[in-house]
Amino acid sequence: MSDCLFCEIAAGRIPCRQAYADSEFLAFHDINPQAPTHVLIIPRRHIASTAELKPADEPLLGRLLLTAARVAADLKLMPAGYRWVINCGPEAGQSVPHLHLHLLGGRRLDWPPG
């Protein structure tokens, strides 16, 4: 989608500080980090939110989580730990309508988050 910020980033038309990339996913550092490590992991294919997922997307979701674990390992977030967050909709804090996983680490992350 040409009007989607994350699609533009994935296409390379908007620069980012990349943490990982392959043909299916892009991971980049958040421009407004909420933790010392705050990386967004997005599928290159546009999916607005988890509310739009279909049964055929199940393999993609599994690969998204495996990619997030790989990025966490690359960033050496273990053994201290890290958190994944996926927001769905504006009331949950989703500000960009493109499925994305927040990878947070580098400090204590208390519960509940907010």
N, C-alpha and C. Protein backbone atom coordinates (compact mmCIF):
# COMPACT_ATOMS: atom_id res chain seq x y z
N MET A 1 0.84 -1.19 0.00
CA MET A 1 0.00 0.00 0.00
C MET A 1 0.88 1.24 0.00
N SER A 2 0.65 2.13 -0.92
CA SER A 2 1.49 3.31 -1.06
C SER A 2 1.27 4.33 0.06
N ASP A 3 0.14 4.28 0.75
CA ASP A 3 -0.10 5.25 1.81
C ASP A 3 0.21 4.68 3.20
N CYS A 4 0.83 3.52 3.26
CA CYS A 4 1.18 2.89 4.54
C CYS A 4 2.64 3.18 4.87
N LEU A 5 2.87 3.81 6.01
CA LEU A 5 4.22 4.16 6.45
C LEU A 5 5.14 2.94 6.47
N PHE A 6 4.68 1.84 7.05
CA PHE A 6 5.55 0.67 7.16
C PHE A 6 5.78 -0.01 5.82
N CYS A 7 4.82 0.05 4.91
CA CYS A 7 5.05 -0.47 3.55
C CYS A 7 6.13 0.36 2.85
N GLU A 8 6.11 1.66 3.07
CA GLU A 8 7.12 2.54 2.49
C GLU A 8 8.51 2.24 3.07
N ILE A 9 8.57 1.98 4.36
CA ILE A 9 9.84 1.62 5.00
C ILE A 9 10.32 0.28 4.45
N ALA A 10 9.42 -0.70 4.37
CA ALA A 10 9.78 -2.03 3.86
C ALA A 10 10.27 -1.97 2.42
N ALA A 11 9.72 -1.06 1.64
CA ALA A 11 10.13 -0.90 0.23
C ALA A 11 11.43 -0.11 0.09
N GLY A 12 11.93 0.45 1.18
CA GLY A 12 13.17 1.21 1.14
C GLY A 12 13.00 2.66 0.72
N ARG A 13 11.77 3.12 0.62
CA ARG A 13 11.52 4.52 0.22
C ARG A 13 11.63 5.49 1.40
N ILE A 14 11.53 4.95 2.61
CA ILE A 14 11.76 5.74 3.83
C ILE A 14 12.86 5.02 4.59
N PRO A 15 13.92 5.74 4.96
CA PRO A 15 15.04 5.09 5.64
C PRO A 15 14.68 4.65 7.06
N CYS A 16 15.39 3.63 7.52
CA CYS A 16 15.23 3.14 8.89
C CYS A 16 16.58 2.62 9.37
N ARG A 17 16.67 2.45 10.67
CA ARG A 17 17.86 1.81 11.25
C ARG A 17 17.55 0.33 11.38
N GLN A 18 17.97 -0.40 10.40
CA GLN A 18 17.61 -1.81 10.25
C GLN A 18 18.32 -2.69 11.27
N ALA A 19 17.57 -3.64 11.83
CA ALA A 19 18.14 -4.64 12.73
C ALA A 19 18.20 -6.01 12.07
N TYR A 20 17.32 -6.26 11.11
CA TYR A 20 17.25 -7.56 10.42
C TYR A 20 16.38 -7.38 9.18
N ALA A 21 16.68 -8.15 8.16
CA ALA A 21 15.84 -8.14 6.96
C ALA A 21 15.98 -9.46 6.23
N ASP A 22 14.88 -9.92 5.69
CA ASP A 22 14.87 -11.04 4.75
C ASP A 22 13.75 -10.77 3.76
N SER A 23 13.43 -11.73 2.93
CA SER A 23 12.44 -11.49 1.89
C SER A 23 11.02 -11.33 2.43
N GLU A 24 10.78 -11.77 3.67
CA GLU A 24 9.43 -11.76 4.23
C GLU A 24 9.22 -10.74 5.34
N PHE A 25 10.30 -10.41 6.08
CA PHE A 25 10.19 -9.54 7.25
C PHE A 25 11.28 -8.47 7.26
N LEU A 26 10.97 -7.38 7.95
CA LEU A 26 11.94 -6.33 8.20
C LEU A 26 11.85 -5.98 9.68
N ALA A 27 13.00 -5.86 10.32
CA ALA A 27 13.06 -5.42 11.72
C ALA A 27 13.88 -4.14 11.76
N PHE A 28 13.34 -3.12 12.44
CA PHE A 28 14.04 -1.84 12.51
C PHE A 28 13.78 -1.20 13.87
N HIS A 29 14.72 -0.35 14.27
CA HIS A 29 14.64 0.31 15.57
C HIS A 29 13.55 1.39 15.55
N ASP A 30 12.75 1.41 16.60
CA ASP A 30 11.67 2.38 16.73
C ASP A 30 12.26 3.78 16.88
N ILE A 31 11.64 4.77 16.23
CA ILE A 31 12.13 6.14 16.34
C ILE A 31 11.72 6.80 17.65
N ASN A 32 10.81 6.17 18.39
CA ASN A 32 10.37 6.68 19.69
C ASN A 32 10.46 5.52 20.70
N PRO A 33 11.68 5.09 21.03
CA PRO A 33 11.83 3.88 21.84
C PRO A 33 11.26 4.01 23.25
N GLN A 34 10.64 2.93 23.71
CA GLN A 34 10.07 2.85 25.04
C GLN A 34 10.94 2.01 25.98
N ALA A 35 12.07 1.54 25.47
CA ALA A 35 13.04 0.76 26.24
C ALA A 35 14.38 0.94 25.55
N PRO A 36 15.49 0.61 26.22
CA PRO A 36 16.79 0.74 25.56
C PRO A 36 16.87 0.00 24.22
N THR A 37 16.24 -1.17 24.16
CA THR A 37 16.08 -1.86 22.89
C THR A 37 14.59 -1.86 22.56
N HIS A 38 14.24 -1.28 21.41
CA HIS A 38 12.84 -1.26 20.96
C HIS A 38 12.88 -1.38 19.44
N VAL A 39 12.59 -2.59 18.98
CA VAL A 39 12.64 -2.90 17.56
C VAL A 39 11.24 -3.29 17.10
N LEU A 40 10.86 -2.83 15.92
CA LEU A 40 9.60 -3.22 15.30
C LEU A 40 9.90 -4.28 14.25
N ILE A 41 9.12 -5.34 14.24
CA ILE A 41 9.27 -6.40 13.25
C ILE A 41 7.97 -6.45 12.46
N ILE A 42 8.10 -6.27 11.16
CA ILE A 42 6.92 -6.19 10.30
C ILE A 42 7.00 -7.22 9.18
N PRO A 43 5.85 -7.74 8.76
CA PRO A 43 5.86 -8.49 7.51
C PRO A 43 5.93 -7.49 6.36
N ARG A 44 6.61 -7.86 5.30
CA ARG A 44 6.68 -6.97 4.13
C ARG A 44 5.32 -6.89 3.45
N ARG A 45 4.53 -7.95 3.54
CA ARG A 45 3.18 -7.94 2.98
C ARG A 45 2.28 -7.12 3.90
N HIS A 46 1.47 -6.28 3.31
CA HIS A 46 0.59 -5.43 4.13
C HIS A 46 -0.55 -6.24 4.72
N ILE A 47 -0.62 -6.21 6.03
CA ILE A 47 -1.75 -6.71 6.81
C ILE A 47 -2.01 -5.60 7.82
N ALA A 48 -3.20 -5.04 7.84
CA ALA A 48 -3.46 -3.86 8.67
C ALA A 48 -3.33 -4.16 10.16
N SER A 49 -3.83 -5.30 10.61
CA SER A 49 -3.77 -5.63 12.04
C SER A 49 -4.07 -7.11 12.22
N THR A 50 -3.97 -7.57 13.45
CA THR A 50 -4.30 -8.96 13.73
C THR A 50 -5.77 -9.24 13.46
N ALA A 51 -6.62 -8.22 13.47
CA ALA A 51 -8.04 -8.40 13.20
C ALA A 51 -8.29 -8.84 11.75
N GLU A 52 -7.32 -8.62 10.87
CA GLU A 52 -7.48 -8.99 9.46
C GLU A 52 -6.86 -10.34 9.12
N LEU A 53 -6.28 -11.01 10.10
CA LEU A 53 -5.62 -12.28 9.81
C LEU A 53 -6.62 -13.34 9.38
N LYS A 54 -6.16 -14.20 8.50
CA LYS A 54 -6.95 -15.33 7.98
C LYS A 54 -6.25 -16.63 8.37
N PRO A 55 -6.96 -17.75 8.33
CA PRO A 55 -6.31 -19.04 8.62
C PRO A 55 -5.07 -19.28 7.76
N ALA A 56 -5.07 -18.80 6.53
CA ALA A 56 -3.91 -18.98 5.65
C ALA A 56 -2.68 -18.22 6.14
N ASP A 57 -2.86 -17.27 7.08
CA ASP A 57 -1.74 -16.50 7.62
C ASP A 57 -1.03 -17.20 8.78
N GLU A 58 -1.53 -18.34 9.19
CA GLU A 58 -0.93 -19.06 10.32
C GLU A 58 0.57 -19.30 10.13
N PRO A 59 1.04 -19.78 8.98
CA PRO A 59 2.49 -19.97 8.83
C PRO A 59 3.28 -18.67 8.93
N LEU A 60 2.72 -17.59 8.40
CA LEU A 60 3.39 -16.29 8.48
C LEU A 60 3.56 -15.87 9.94
N LEU A 61 2.53 -16.09 10.75
CA LEU A 61 2.62 -15.71 12.17
C LEU A 61 3.67 -16.52 12.90
N GLY A 62 3.76 -17.80 12.59
CA GLY A 62 4.81 -18.61 13.19
C GLY A 62 6.19 -18.11 12.82
N ARG A 63 6.37 -17.76 11.55
CA ARG A 63 7.65 -17.23 11.10
C ARG A 63 7.93 -15.85 11.70
N LEU A 64 6.87 -15.06 11.93
CA LEU A 64 7.05 -13.76 12.58
C LEU A 64 7.63 -13.94 13.99
N LEU A 65 7.07 -14.88 14.73
CA LEU A 65 7.57 -15.12 16.09
C LEU A 65 8.99 -15.68 16.07
N LEU A 66 9.27 -16.58 15.15
CA LEU A 66 10.64 -17.11 15.04
C LEU A 66 11.62 -16.01 14.65
N THR A 67 11.20 -15.10 13.79
CA THR A 67 12.04 -13.97 13.40
C THR A 67 12.28 -13.06 14.60
N ALA A 68 11.24 -12.82 15.38
CA ALA A 68 11.39 -11.98 16.58
C ALA A 68 12.37 -12.61 17.56
N ALA A 69 12.30 -13.92 17.73
CA ALA A 69 13.25 -14.61 18.62
C ALA A 69 14.67 -14.50 18.08
N ARG A 70 14.82 -14.61 16.76
CA ARG A 70 16.15 -14.48 16.17
C ARG A 70 16.71 -13.08 16.38
N VAL A 71 15.89 -12.06 16.18
CA VAL A 71 16.33 -10.68 16.38
C VAL A 71 16.71 -10.46 17.84
N ALA A 72 15.92 -10.99 18.77
CA ALA A 72 16.23 -10.88 20.20
C ALA A 72 17.58 -11.53 20.50
N ALA A 73 17.85 -12.68 19.90
CA ALA A 73 19.14 -13.35 20.11
C ALA A 73 20.27 -12.51 19.50
N ASP A 74 20.05 -11.99 18.28
CA ASP A 74 21.07 -11.16 17.64
C ASP A 74 21.40 -9.93 18.48
N LEU A 75 20.40 -9.39 19.17
CA LEU A 75 20.59 -8.20 19.99
C LEU A 75 21.03 -8.54 21.42
N LYS A 76 21.24 -9.84 21.66
CA LYS A 76 21.75 -10.32 22.96
C LYS A 76 20.87 -9.93 24.13
N LEU A 77 19.56 -10.09 23.97
CA LEU A 77 18.62 -9.73 25.03
C LEU A 77 18.45 -10.83 26.07
N MET A 78 18.99 -12.00 25.84
CA MET A 78 18.96 -13.07 26.83
C MET A 78 20.32 -13.14 27.49
N PRO A 79 20.43 -13.52 28.74
CA PRO A 79 19.41 -14.18 29.56
C PRO A 79 18.51 -13.22 30.33
N ALA A 80 18.74 -11.90 30.24
CA ALA A 80 17.92 -10.96 31.01
C ALA A 80 16.45 -11.04 30.62
N GLY A 81 16.17 -11.17 29.33
CA GLY A 81 14.80 -11.31 28.88
C GLY A 81 14.33 -10.14 28.03
N TYR A 82 13.16 -10.34 27.45
CA TYR A 82 12.56 -9.35 26.56
C TYR A 82 11.06 -9.55 26.53
N ARG A 83 10.38 -8.61 25.90
CA ARG A 83 8.92 -8.69 25.79
C ARG A 83 8.54 -8.45 24.33
N TRP A 84 7.51 -9.17 23.90
CA TRP A 84 6.88 -8.93 22.60
C TRP A 84 5.52 -8.30 22.86
N VAL A 85 5.16 -7.32 22.04
CA VAL A 85 3.85 -6.69 22.13
C VAL A 85 3.31 -6.54 20.71
N ILE A 86 2.05 -6.94 20.51
CA ILE A 86 1.35 -6.68 19.26
C ILE A 86 0.04 -6.00 19.63
N ASN A 87 -0.11 -4.75 19.22
CA ASN A 87 -1.33 -3.99 19.49
C ASN A 87 -2.29 -4.16 18.32
N CYS A 88 -3.58 -4.13 18.61
CA CYS A 88 -4.61 -4.25 17.57
C CYS A 88 -5.65 -3.15 17.76
N GLY A 89 -5.59 -2.15 16.90
CA GLY A 89 -6.56 -1.06 16.96
C GLY A 89 -6.08 0.12 17.79
N PRO A 90 -6.68 1.29 17.55
CA PRO A 90 -6.23 2.51 18.22
C PRO A 90 -6.40 2.50 19.73
N GLU A 91 -7.45 1.87 20.25
CA GLU A 91 -7.65 1.82 21.71
C GLU A 91 -6.57 0.99 22.40
N ALA A 92 -5.94 0.09 21.66
CA ALA A 92 -4.86 -0.73 22.21
C ALA A 92 -3.50 -0.11 21.98
N GLY A 93 -3.45 1.02 21.28
CA GLY A 93 -2.19 1.71 21.05
C GLY A 93 -1.58 1.49 19.68
N GLN A 94 -2.30 0.84 18.75
CA GLN A 94 -1.77 0.67 17.40
C GLN A 94 -1.88 1.98 16.65
N SER A 95 -0.73 2.60 16.36
CA SER A 95 -0.74 3.90 15.70
C SER A 95 -0.46 3.81 14.21
N VAL A 96 0.08 2.70 13.74
CA VAL A 96 0.32 2.49 12.31
C VAL A 96 -0.48 1.26 11.90
N PRO A 97 -1.39 1.40 10.94
CA PRO A 97 -2.22 0.28 10.54
C PRO A 97 -1.49 -0.70 9.62
N HIS A 98 -0.48 -1.35 10.18
CA HIS A 98 0.28 -2.41 9.52
C HIS A 98 0.73 -3.32 10.65
N LEU A 99 0.43 -4.60 10.56
CA LEU A 99 0.80 -5.55 11.60
C LEU A 99 2.28 -5.39 11.95
N HIS A 100 2.55 -5.23 13.22
CA HIS A 100 3.94 -5.14 13.67
C HIS A 100 4.06 -5.65 15.11
N LEU A 101 5.21 -6.23 15.36
CA LEU A 101 5.54 -6.76 16.69
C LEU A 101 6.60 -5.86 17.29
N HIS A 102 6.35 -5.39 18.50
CA HIS A 102 7.35 -4.61 19.25
C HIS A 102 8.21 -5.60 20.03
N LEU A 103 9.51 -5.50 19.89
CA LEU A 103 10.46 -6.26 20.68
C LEU A 103 11.12 -5.26 21.63
N LEU A 104 10.90 -5.46 22.93
CA LEU A 104 11.38 -4.54 23.95
C LEU A 104 12.33 -5.25 24.89
N GLY A 105 13.41 -4.59 25.26
CA GLY A 105 14.35 -5.18 26.21
C GLY A 105 15.36 -4.16 26.67
N GLY A 106 16.29 -4.63 27.48
CA GLY A 106 17.36 -3.76 27.95
C GLY A 106 17.06 -3.06 29.26
N ARG A 107 15.89 -3.32 29.83
CA ARG A 107 15.54 -2.80 31.16
C ARG A 107 14.46 -3.69 31.73
N ARG A 108 14.17 -3.53 33.01
CA ARG A 108 13.10 -4.27 33.64
C ARG A 108 11.76 -3.79 33.07
N LEU A 109 10.93 -4.73 32.66
CA LEU A 109 9.63 -4.41 32.10
C LEU A 109 8.57 -4.92 33.08
N ASP A 110 8.02 -4.01 33.86
CA ASP A 110 7.06 -4.39 34.89
C ASP A 110 5.72 -4.78 34.28
N TRP A 111 4.88 -5.39 35.12
CA TRP A 111 3.54 -5.82 34.72
C TRP A 111 2.55 -5.33 35.74
N PRO A 112 1.40 -4.82 35.40
CA PRO A 112 0.90 -4.66 34.02
C PRO A 112 1.60 -3.50 33.33
N PRO A 113 1.59 -3.52 31.97
CA PRO A 113 2.35 -2.51 31.24
C PRO A 113 1.71 -1.14 31.21
N GLY A 114 0.39 -1.00 31.40
CA GLY A 114 -0.12 0.35 31.35
C GLY A 114 -1.58 0.49 31.22
